[in-house]
C-alpha atoms as a PDB file:
ATOM      1  CA  MET A   1       8.639 -14.624  31.305  1.00  0.00           C
ATOM      2  CA  SER A   2       8.629 -11.964  28.557  1.00  0.00           C
ATOM      3  CA  ASN A   3       7.316 -12.680  25.078  1.00  0.00           C
ATOM      4  CA  ASN A   4      10.863 -12.253  23.735  1.00  0.00           C
ATOM      5  CA  ASN A   5      12.160 -14.982  26.043  1.00  0.00           C
ATOM      6  CA  GLU A   6       9.289 -17.284  25.092  1.00  0.00           C
ATOM      7  CA  LEU A   7       9.966 -16.801  21.376  1.00  0.00           C
ATOM      8  CA  PHE A   8      13.680 -17.393  21.860  1.00  0.00           C
ATOM      9  CA  LYS A   9      13.152 -20.551  23.902  1.00  0.00           C
ATOM     10  CA  SER A  10      10.642 -21.844  21.343  1.00  0.00           C
ATOM     11  CA  VAL A  11      13.298 -21.565  18.629  1.00  0.00           C
ATOM     12  CA  LEU A  12      15.928 -23.196  20.853  1.00  0.00           C
ATOM     13  CA  ASP A  13      13.590 -26.073  21.730  1.00  0.00           C
ATOM     14  CA  GLY A  14      12.764 -26.584  18.075  1.00  0.00           C
ATOM     15  CA  SER A  15      16.459 -26.543  17.115  1.00  0.00           C
ATOM     16  CA  ALA A  16      17.667 -28.818  19.923  1.00  0.00           C
ATOM     17  CA  GLU A  17      17.594 -31.974  17.803  1.00  0.00           C
ATOM     18  CA  ALA A  18      19.563 -30.375  14.960  1.00  0.00           C
ATOM     19  CA  LEU A  19      22.174 -29.039  17.415  1.00  0.00           C
ATOM     20  CA  LYS A  20      22.491 -32.431  19.110  1.00  0.00           C
ATOM     21  CA  LYS A  21      22.869 -34.069  15.688  1.00  0.00           C
ATOM     22  CA  TYR A  22      26.204 -32.259  15.269  1.00  0.00           C
ATOM     23  CA  GLY A  23      27.341 -32.818  18.860  1.00  0.00           C
ATOM     24  CA  PHE A  24      26.429 -29.437  20.361  1.00  0.00           C
ATOM     25  CA  GLU A  25      25.316 -29.334  23.989  1.00  0.00           C
ATOM     26  CA  PRO A  26      24.214 -26.248  25.973  1.00  0.00           C
ATOM     27  CA  LEU A  27      27.179 -24.550  27.655  1.00  0.00           C
ATOM     28  CA  THR A  28      25.888 -21.242  29.069  1.00  0.00           C
ATOM     29  CA  TYR A  29      22.576 -19.422  28.983  1.00  0.00           C
ATOM     30  CA  SER A  30      21.786 -15.797  29.815  1.00  0.00           C
ATOM     31  CA  ASP A  31      18.090 -15.108  30.307  1.00  0.00           C
ATOM     32  CA  SER A  32      18.677 -11.369  30.633  1.00  0.00           C
ATOM     33  CA  ASP A  33      20.112 -10.786  27.166  1.00  0.00           C
ATOM     34  CA  ASN A  34      18.696 -13.847  25.354  1.00  0.00           C
ATOM     35  CA  THR A  35      22.063 -15.463  24.621  1.00  0.00           C
ATOM     36  CA  VAL A  36      22.956 -19.149  24.727  1.00  0.00           C
ATOM     37  CA  LYS A  37      26.202 -20.954  23.941  1.00  0.00           C
ATOM     38  CA  TYR A  38      26.602 -24.537  22.761  1.00  0.00           C
ATOM     39  CA  ALA A  39      29.850 -26.499  22.620  1.00  0.00           C
ATOM     40  CA  GLY A  40      30.932 -29.777  21.092  1.00  0.00           C
ATOM     41  CA  GLU A  41      33.525 -31.499  18.957  1.00  0.00           C
ATOM     42  CA  ASN A  42      32.718 -29.128  16.082  1.00  0.00           C
ATOM     43  CA  GLY A  43      33.525 -26.063  18.193  1.00  0.00           C
ATOM     44  CA  VAL A  44      31.098 -23.550  19.657  1.00  0.00           C
ATOM     45  CA  ILE A  45      27.756 -22.073  18.583  1.00  0.00           C
ATOM     46  CA  LYS A  46      26.373 -18.847  20.042  1.00  0.00           C
ATOM     47  CA  VAL A  47      22.717 -17.949  19.500  1.00  0.00           C
ATOM     48  CA  VAL A  48      21.412 -14.443  20.252  1.00  0.00           C
ATOM     49  CA  TYR A  49      17.931 -12.943  19.971  1.00  0.00           C
ATOM     50  CA  GLU A  50      17.882  -9.144  19.694  1.00  0.00           C
ATOM     51  CA  ASN A  51      16.016  -6.441  17.771  1.00  0.00           C
ATOM     52  CA  GLU A  52      13.507  -8.984  16.424  1.00  0.00           C
ATOM     53  CA  LYS A  53      16.285 -11.052  14.816  1.00  0.00           C
ATOM     54  CA  LEU A  54      17.844 -14.424  15.597  1.00  0.00           C
ATOM     55  CA  LEU A  55      21.644 -14.297  15.183  1.00  0.00           C
ATOM     56  CA  VAL A  56      23.785 -17.446  15.078  1.00  0.00           C
ATOM     57  CA  PHE A  57      27.589 -17.377  15.392  1.00  0.00           C
ATOM     58  CA  SER A  58      30.071 -20.200  14.896  1.00  0.00           C
ATOM     59  CA  GLY A  59      33.542 -20.541  16.423  1.00  0.00           C
ATOM     60  CA  LYS A  60      36.210 -23.211  16.740  1.00  0.00           C
ATOM     61  CA  ASP A  61      37.414 -22.866  20.324  1.00  0.00           C
ATOM     62  CA  SER A  62      35.028 -22.356  23.233  1.00  0.00           C
ATOM     63  CA  GLU A  63      37.990 -21.929  25.611  1.00  0.00           C
ATOM     64  CA  ASN A  64      39.578 -19.050  23.705  1.00  0.00           C
ATOM     65  CA  PRO A  65      38.102 -15.705  24.892  1.00  0.00           C
ATOM     66  CA  ASN A  66      39.923 -13.805  22.133  1.00  0.00           C
ATOM     67  CA  GLU A  67      38.319 -15.701  19.279  1.00  0.00           C
ATOM     68  CA  THR A  68      35.803 -13.745  17.205  1.00  0.00           C
ATOM     69  CA  PRO A  69      33.130 -16.185  15.995  1.00  0.00           C
ATOM     70  CA  SER A  70      31.742 -15.781  12.484  1.00  0.00           C
ATOM     71  CA  ARG A  71      28.056 -15.079  11.930  1.00  0.00           C
ATOM     72  CA  ILE A  72      26.376 -17.862   9.964  1.00  0.00           C
ATOM     73  CA  LEU A  73      22.701 -16.876  10.167  1.00  0.00           C
ATOM     74  CA  VAL A  74      20.482 -13.818  10.552  1.00  0.00           C
ATOM     75  CA  SER A  75      16.774 -14.588  10.580  1.00  0.00           C
ATOM     76  CA  LEU A  76      13.811 -12.266  11.156  1.00  0.00           C
ATOM     77  CA  LEU A  77      11.805 -13.174  14.271  1.00  0.00           C
ATOM     78  CA  PRO A  78       9.304 -10.375  15.041  1.00  0.00           C
ATOM     79  CA  ASN A  79       7.880  -9.925  18.545  1.00  0.00           C
ATOM     80  CA  ASP A  80       4.467 -10.963  17.264  1.00  0.00           C
ATOM     81  CA  ALA A  81       5.803 -14.035  15.451  1.00  0.00           C
ATOM     82  CA  SER A  82       3.241 -16.748  14.782  1.00  0.00           C
ATOM     83  CA  PRO A  83       3.903 -20.505  15.195  1.00  0.00           C
ATOM     84  CA  LYS A  84       4.497 -20.607  11.399  1.00  0.00           C
ATOM     85  CA  ASP A  85       7.150 -17.881  11.727  1.00  0.00           C
ATOM     86  CA  ILE A  86       8.864 -19.800  14.524  1.00  0.00           C
ATOM     87  CA  ASN A  87       8.805 -23.059  12.535  1.00  0.00           C
ATOM     88  CA  TYR A  88      10.334 -21.283   9.545  1.00  0.00           C
ATOM     89  CA  VAL A  89      13.177 -19.849  11.669  1.00  0.00           C
ATOM     90  CA  VAL A  90      13.790 -23.286  13.216  1.00  0.00           C
ATOM     91  CA  GLY A  91      13.951 -24.781   9.722  1.00  0.00           C
ATOM     92  CA  GLU A  92      16.369 -22.091   8.561  1.00  0.00           C
ATOM     93  CA  PHE A  93      18.551 -22.675  11.646  1.00  0.00           C
ATOM     94  CA  SER A  94      18.614 -26.432  11.023  1.00  0.00           C
ATOM     95  CA  GLU A  95      19.390 -25.936   7.335  1.00  0.00           C
ATOM     96  CA  THR A  96      22.285 -23.634   8.243  1.00  0.00           C
ATOM     97  CA  LEU A  97      23.736 -26.279  10.581  1.00  0.00           C
ATOM     98  CA  ASP A  98      23.364 -28.928   7.862  1.00  0.00           C
ATOM     99  CA  THR A  99      25.144 -26.673   5.366  1.00  0.00           C
ATOM    100  CA  LYS A 100      28.050 -25.894   7.707  1.00  0.00           C
ATOM    101  CA  TYR A 101      28.551 -29.209   9.506  1.00  0.00           C
ATOM    102  CA  GLY A 102      26.854 -31.849   7.362  1.00  0.00           C
ATOM    103  CA  ILE A 103      28.601 -34.184   4.965  1.00  0.00           C
ATOM    104  CA  LYS A 104      28.739 -32.546   1.558  1.00  0.00           C
ATOM    105  CA  LYS A 105      27.025 -34.678  -1.059  1.00  0.00           C
ATOM    106  CA  VAL A 106      28.342 -34.697  -4.599  1.00  0.00           C
ATOM    107  CA  SER A 107      25.502 -33.116  -6.536  1.00  0.00           C
ATOM    108  CA  PRO A 108      25.884 -30.346  -9.133  1.00  0.00           C
ATOM    109  CA  LYS A 109      22.310 -29.161  -8.503  1.00  0.00           C
ATOM    110  CA  LYS A 110      22.745 -28.629  -4.763  1.00  0.00           C
ATOM    111  CA  PRO A 111      24.137 -25.053  -4.879  1.00  0.00           C
ATOM    112  CA  SER A 112      21.413 -23.808  -7.236  1.00  0.00           C
ATOM    113  CA  GLN A 113      18.709 -25.382  -5.062  1.00  0.00           C
ATOM    114  CA  LYS A 114      19.969 -23.481  -2.033  1.00  0.00           C
ATOM    115  CA  GLY A 115      19.712 -20.286  -4.033  1.00  0.00           C
ATOM    116  CA  PRO A 116      21.751 -17.132  -4.425  1.00  0.00           C
ATOM    117  CA  GLN A 117      23.034 -15.472  -1.286  1.00  0.00           C
ATOM    118  CA  THR A 118      20.963 -12.681   0.207  1.00  0.00           C
ATOM    119  CA  VAL A 119      22.333  -9.281   1.214  1.00  0.00           C
ATOM    120  CA  SER A 120      22.572  -8.741   4.969  1.00  0.00           C
ATOM    121  CA  LYS A 121      22.016  -5.522   6.907  1.00  0.00           C
ATOM    122  CA  ALA A 122      25.699  -5.542   7.819  1.00  0.00           C
ATOM    123  CA  ALA A 123      26.639  -5.655   4.131  1.00  0.00           C
ATOM    124  CA  VAL A 124      24.301  -2.730   3.415  1.00  0.00           C
ATOM    125  CA  LYS A 125      25.913  -0.706   6.196  1.00  0.00           C
ATOM    126  CA  ALA A 126      29.262  -1.443   4.556  1.00  0.00           C
ATOM    127  CA  GLY A 127      28.054  -0.061   1.218  1.00  0.00           C
ATOM    128  CA  SER A 128      26.149  -2.873  -0.493  1.00  0.00           C
ATOM    129  CA  PHE A 129      22.532  -2.659  -1.687  1.00  0.00           C
ATOM    130  CA  TYR A 130      19.559  -4.970  -1.296  1.00  0.00           C
ATOM    131  CA  ASP A 131      18.830  -6.939  -4.473  1.00  0.00           C
ATOM    132  CA  PRO A 132      15.617  -8.552  -5.815  1.00  0.00           C
ATOM    133  CA  ASN A 133      16.584 -11.939  -4.397  1.00  0.00           C
ATOM    134  CA  THR A 134      16.898 -10.468  -0.894  1.00  0.00           C
ATOM    135  CA  LEU A 135      13.501  -8.787  -1.277  1.00  0.00           C
ATOM    136  CA  ALA A 136      11.904 -12.122  -2.219  1.00  0.00           C
ATOM    137  CA  SER A 137      13.627 -13.986   0.607  1.00  0.00           C
ATOM    138  CA  ARG A 138      12.545 -11.384   3.169  1.00  0.00           C
ATOM    139  CA  LEU A 139       8.937 -11.467   1.945  1.00  0.00           C
ATOM    140  CA  CYS A 140       8.977 -15.243   2.393  1.00  0.00           C
ATOM    141  CA  LEU A 141       9.436 -14.575   6.111  1.00  0.00           C
ATOM    142  CA  VAL A 142       6.229 -12.536   6.103  1.00  0.00           C
ATOM    143  CA  PHE A 143       4.401 -15.032   3.876  1.00  0.00           C
ATOM    144  CA  PRO A 144       5.916 -18.513   4.465  1.00  0.00           C
ATOM    145  CA  GLU A 145       3.604 -19.979   1.811  1.00  0.00           C
ATOM    146  CA  LEU A 146       5.701 -18.157  -0.818  1.00  0.00           C
ATOM    147  CA  ARG A 147       8.823 -20.141   0.103  1.00  0.00           C
ATOM    148  CA  GLU A 148       7.995 -23.165  -2.078  1.00  0.00           C
ATOM    149  CA  PHE A 149       7.465 -20.931  -5.134  1.00  0.00           C
ATOM    150  CA  TYR A 150      10.702 -19.069  -4.378  1.00  0.00           C
ATOM    151  CA  LYS A 151      12.646 -22.341  -4.291  1.00  0.00           C
ATOM    152  CA  LEU A 152      10.851 -23.607  -7.395  1.00  0.00           C
ATOM    153  CA  ASN A 153      11.842 -20.432  -9.262  1.00  0.00           C
ATOM    154  CA  ILE A 154      15.520 -20.953  -8.439  1.00  0.00           C
ATOM    155  CA  SER A 155      15.540 -24.685  -9.205  1.00  0.00           C
ATOM    156  CA  THR A 156      13.726 -24.098 -12.504  1.00  0.00           C
ATOM    157  CA  TYR A 157      15.912 -21.285 -13.832  1.00  0.00           C
ATOM    158  CA  GLY A 158      19.193 -22.046 -12.055  1.00  0.00           C
ATOM    159  CA  ASP A 159      19.106 -18.558 -10.535  1.00  0.00           C
ATOM    160  CA  PHE A 160      16.452 -16.231  -9.144  1.00  0.00           C
ATOM    161  CA  LEU A 161      14.211 -14.787 -11.883  1.00  0.00           C
ATOM    162  CA  ALA A 162      12.615 -11.823 -10.107  1.00  0.00           C
ATOM    163  CA  GLU A 163       9.906 -10.786 -12.573  1.00  0.00           C
ATOM    164  CA  GLU A 164       8.560 -14.336 -12.881  1.00  0.00           C
ATOM    165  CA  PHE A 165       8.379 -14.766  -9.103  1.00  0.00           C
ATOM    166  CA  PHE A 166       6.805 -11.418  -8.280  1.00  0.00           C
ATOM    167  CA  VAL A 167       4.349 -11.221 -11.183  1.00  0.00           C
ATOM    168  CA  ASN A 168       3.012 -14.731 -10.561  1.00  0.00           C
ATOM    169  CA  TYR A 169       3.331 -15.146  -6.792  1.00  0.00           C
ATOM    170  CA  GLY A 170       4.844 -12.274  -4.776  1.00  0.00           C
ATOM    171  CA  THR A 171       2.716  -9.403  -6.065  1.00  0.00           C
ATOM    172  CA  PRO A 172      -0.666 -11.206  -5.815  1.00  0.00           C
ATOM    173  CA  LYS A 173       0.164 -12.107  -2.195  1.00  0.00           C
ATOM    174  CA  VAL A 174       1.079  -8.516  -1.298  1.00  0.00           C
ATOM    175  CA  ILE A 175      -2.075  -7.108  -2.950  1.00  0.00           C
ATOM    176  CA  GLU A 176      -4.178  -9.749  -1.187  1.00  0.00           C
ATOM    177  CA  ALA A 177      -2.678  -8.701   2.156  1.00  0.00           C
ATOM    178  CA  ILE A 178      -3.423  -5.024   1.464  1.00  0.00           C
ATOM    179  CA  LYS A 179      -7.041  -5.865   0.636  1.00  0.00           C
ATOM    180  CA  GLU A 180      -7.366  -7.908   3.837  1.00  0.00           C
ATOM    181  CA  ASN A 181      -5.756  -5.005   5.748  1.00  0.00           C
ATOM    182  CA  LYS A 182      -4.709  -6.957   8.834  1.00  0.00           C
ATOM    183  CA  PRO A 183      -2.574  -4.552  10.912  1.00  0.00           C
ATOM    184  CA  ALA A 184      -0.021  -7.145  12.057  1.00  0.00           C
ATOM    185  CA  THR A 185       0.587  -8.410   8.511  1.00  0.00           C
ATOM    186  CA  MET A 186       0.645  -4.890   7.025  1.00  0.00           C
ATOM    187  CA  LYS A 187       3.200  -3.792   9.616  1.00  0.00           C
ATOM    188  CA  LYS A 188       5.537  -6.730   8.951  1.00  0.00           C
ATOM    189  CA  MET A 189       5.139  -6.503   5.186  1.00  0.00           C
ATOM    190  CA  PHE A 190       5.853  -2.787   4.920  1.00  0.00           C
ATOM    191  CA  GLN A 191       8.728  -3.074   7.370  1.00  0.00           C
ATOM    192  CA  VAL A 192      10.376  -5.236   4.696  1.00  0.00           C
ATOM    193  CA  LEU A 193       9.276  -3.112   1.718  1.00  0.00           C
ATOM    194  CA  ASN A 194      10.345   0.169   3.361  1.00  0.00           C
ATOM    195  CA  GLU A 195      13.755  -1.087   4.432  1.00  0.00           C
ATOM    196  CA  VAL A 196      14.616  -2.846   1.176  1.00  0.00           C
ATOM    197  CA  TYR A 197      13.421   0.105  -0.938  1.00  0.00           C
ATOM    198  CA  GLU A 198      15.472   2.555   1.143  1.00  0.00           C
ATOM    199  CA  ASP A 199      18.748   0.751   0.436  1.00  0.00           C
ATOM    200  CA  GLY A 200      17.852  -1.227  -2.681  1.00  0.00           C
ATOM    201  CA  THR A 201      19.316  -1.289  -6.170  1.00  0.00           C
ATOM    202  CA  ASN A 202      17.402   0.496  -8.944  1.00  0.00           C
ATOM    203  CA  ASP A 203      15.972  -2.836 -10.099  1.00  0.00           C
ATOM    204  CA  THR A 204      14.825  -3.631  -6.566  1.00  0.00           C
ATOM    205  CA  GLN A 205      13.166  -0.236  -6.119  1.00  0.00           C
ATOM    206  CA  SER A 206      11.428  -0.689  -9.472  1.00  0.00           C
ATOM    207  CA  LEU A 207      10.111  -4.094  -8.389  1.00  0.00           C
ATOM    208  CA  ILE A 208       8.619  -2.613  -5.228  1.00  0.00           C
ATOM    209  CA  ALA A 209       7.145   0.591  -6.683  1.00  0.00           C
ATOM    210  CA  VAL A 210       6.094  -0.688 -10.125  1.00  0.00           C
ATOM    211  CA  THR A 211       5.800  -4.490 -10.289  1.00  0.00           C
ATOM    212  CA  ILE A 212       4.353  -4.891  -6.780  1.00  0.00           C
ATOM    213  CA  LEU A 213       2.666  -1.715  -5.500  1.00  0.00           C
ATOM    214  CA  GLY A 214       1.951  -0.477  -9.022  1.00  0.00           C
ATOM    215  CA  GLU A 215      -0.663  -3.259  -9.104  1.00  0.00           C
ATOM    216  CA  LEU A 216      -2.807  -1.214  -6.720  1.00  0.00           C
ATOM    217  CA  ASN A 217      -4.050   0.306  -9.985  1.00  0.00           C
ATOM    218  CA  ASN A 218      -4.349   3.782  -8.474  1.00  0.00           C
ATOM    219  CA  ASP A 219      -7.110   2.527  -6.154  1.00  0.00           C
ATOM    220  CA  GLN A 220      -7.365   5.395  -3.675  1.00  0.00           C
ATOM    221  CA  VAL A 221      -8.826   3.241  -0.909  1.00  0.00           C
ATOM    222  CA  LEU A 222      -5.986   0.715  -1.105  1.00  0.00           C
ATOM    223  CA  LEU A 223      -3.352   3.448  -1.447  1.00  0.00           C
ATOM    224  CA  ALA A 224      -4.732   5.189   1.642  1.00  0.00           C
ATOM    225  CA  ARG A 225      -4.302   1.967   3.615  1.00  0.00           C
ATOM    226  CA  CYS A 226      -0.696   1.714   2.491  1.00  0.00           C
ATOM    227  CA  VAL A 227       0.185   5.333   3.289  1.00  0.00           C
ATOM    228  CA  ASP A 228      -0.262   4.586   6.994  1.00  0.00           C
ATOM    229  CA  TYR A 229       2.589   2.051   6.763  1.00  0.00           C
ATOM    230  CA  MET A 230       4.845   3.414   4.002  1.00  0.00           C
ATOM    231  CA  SER A 231       7.949   5.420   4.894  1.00  0.00           C
ATOM    232  CA  GLU A 232       8.495   8.972   3.653  1.00  0.00           C
ATOM    233  CA  THR A 233      10.993   7.568   1.145  1.00  0.00           C
ATOM    234  CA  ILE A 234       8.745   5.024  -0.540  1.00  0.00           C
ATOM    235  CA  ALA A 235       5.355   6.789  -0.429  1.00  0.00           C
ATOM    236  CA  PRO A 236       5.963   9.559  -3.061  1.00  0.00           C
ATOM    237  CA  PRO A 237       7.288   7.257  -5.842  1.00  0.00           C
ATOM    238  CA  VAL A 238       4.564   4.674  -5.211  1.00  0.00           C
ATOM    239  CA  ILE A 239       1.863   7.355  -5.496  1.00  0.00           C
ATOM    240  CA  GLU A 240       3.488   8.794  -8.648  1.00  0.00           C
ATOM    241  CA  VAL A 241       3.822   5.352 -10.229  1.00  0.00           C
ATOM    242  CA  ASN A 242       0.143   4.605  -9.621  1.00  0.00           C
ATOM    243  CA  LYS A 243      -0.867   7.946 -11.119  1.00  0.00           C
ATOM    244  CA  PHE A 244       1.319   7.346 -14.156  1.00  0.00           C
ATOM    245  CA  LEU A 245       0.131   3.780 -14.742  1.00  0.00           C
ATOM    246  CA  ALA A 246      -3.456   5.091 -14.824  1.00  0.00           C
ATOM    247  CA  THR A 247      -2.628   7.274 -17.865  1.00  0.00           C
ATOM    248  CA  ALA A 248      -2.545   6.160 -21.507  1.00  0.00           C
ATOM    249  CA  ALA A 249       1.255   6.128 -21.491  1.00  0.00           C
ATOM    250  CA  GLY A 250       1.200   4.185 -18.243  1.00  0.00           C
ATOM    251  CA  LYS A 251      -1.104   1.548 -19.690  1.00  0.00           C
ATOM    252  CA  LYS A 252       1.406   0.983 -22.485  1.00  0.00           C
ATOM    253  CA  ALA A 253       4.179   0.645 -19.910  1.00  0.00           C
ATOM    254  CA  ARG A 254       2.059  -1.806 -17.942  1.00  0.00           C
ATOM    255  CA  ALA A 255       1.469  -3.888 -21.086  1.00  0.00           C
ATOM    256  CA  LYS A 256       5.240  -4.142 -21.538  1.00  0.00           C
ATOM    257  CA  LEU A 257       5.656  -5.238 -17.931  1.00  0.00           C
ATOM    258  CA  GLN A 258       3.017  -7.939 -18.341  1.00  0.00           C
ATOM    259  CA  ASN A 259       4.487  -9.149 -21.650  1.00  0.00           C
ATOM    260  CA  PRO A 260       8.225  -8.604 -21.343  1.00  0.00           C
ATOM    261  CA  PRO A 261      10.489  -9.377 -24.320  1.00  0.00           C
ATOM    262  CA  ALA A 262      12.979 -12.237 -24.221  1.00  0.00           C
ATOM    263  CA  TYR A 263      15.898 -11.599 -21.904  1.00  0.00           C
ATOM    264  CA  LYS A 264      18.801  -9.619 -23.362  1.00  0.00           C
ATOM    265  CA  PRO A 265      21.932  -8.256 -21.665  1.00  0.00           C
ATOM    266  CA  LYS A 266      21.327  -4.794 -20.248  1.00  0.00           C
ATOM    267  CA  LYS A 267      22.525  -1.841 -22.307  1.00  0.00           C
ATOM    268  CA  GLN A 268      24.413   0.902 -20.542  1.00  0.00           C
ATOM    269  CA  LYS A 269      23.170   4.490 -20.214  1.00  0.00           C
ATOM    270  CA  LYS A 270      19.522   3.489 -20.623  1.00  0.00           C
ATOM    271  CA  PRO A 271      17.112   4.717 -17.924  1.00  0.00           C
ATOM    272  CA  GLY A 272      15.087   2.042 -16.162  1.00  0.00           C
ATOM    273  CA  MET A 273      11.304   1.836 -15.906  1.00  0.00           C
ATOM    274  CA  MET A 274      11.249   3.641 -12.554  1.00  0.00           C
ATOM    275  CA  GLU A 275      13.395   6.488 -13.876  1.00  0.00           C
ATOM    276  CA  ARG A 276      11.225   6.903 -16.995  1.00  0.00           C
ATOM    277  CA  ILE A 277       8.072   6.977 -14.878  1.00  0.00           C
ATOM    278  CA  MET A 278       9.461   9.528 -12.429  1.00  0.00           C
ATOM    279  CA  ASN A 279      10.888  11.689 -15.229  1.00  0.00           C
ATOM    280  CA  ALA A 280       7.536  11.665 -17.017  1.00  0.00           C
ATOM    281  CA  GLY A 281       6.126  13.548 -14.060  1.00  0.00           C
ATOM    282  CA  THR A 282       8.896  16.138 -14.069  1.00  0.00           C
ATOM    283  CA  GLY A 283       9.140  16.730 -17.811  1.00  0.00           C
ATOM    284  CA  VAL A 284      12.711  15.382 -18.065  1.00  0.00           C
ATOM    285  CA  ASN A 285      13.416  13.511 -21.318  1.00  0.00           C
ATOM    286  CA  ASN A 286      16.013  10.727 -21.190  1.00  0.00           C
ATOM    287  CA  GLN A 287      17.181   9.395 -24.510  1.00  0.00           C
END
């Protein structure tokens, strides 16, 4: 049995109780393409494992071949997934079933506890951009121990406060991983950072290049480790940011990042931190 099949079956075994809870029983299983269908009084569930992702689809009629089921979950499940990774995916699968088929409790805090919706790859292909919340959620797949702090951030502020999460929890974990330099972790971590930076909003790119990787403090040994994993898109700005933050002007910028002013609505036509840093290296002056 291939490792892919073993991973897939581990997730299915772990999710069996949650599926049975809502009346779903196995209908068909294809070992060749890692696809299984479940049917019950709530309709049909199709689970697929492909390209290191677990995809879950929900439909109403298992007897209707023309029905297009809706996708209700996409969860990262790398080929080298650890037991912790598998348990997290099982938990996410179960939580998705509870959300869709469970009895809705009357509680005004429930939506905020679940958190803001993340941006999927499909949405990005359709023209959307990854946001800071998606970056945090994806990093929680690499570092499951961050999940409790991610949820605490949302429950505390009623929404996701990116700077608070990354400065206090996300960034220290990323820097720790770079110092440990474990190839498997570095590969998974930079797979997330590269992809989200490539199609991220300006704020998201700034979080990655400045708030997170800017904390390498221009350490050439640590930067050299990262270069082996960074894409051609992310490497130049990260190197430039580290160079800039090592200058006198950069130290002032860093002080502002570490002691941000009280939140105010964003003003239009003002360049962001990333843009000011990059322009400082090219001599462009934005007012």
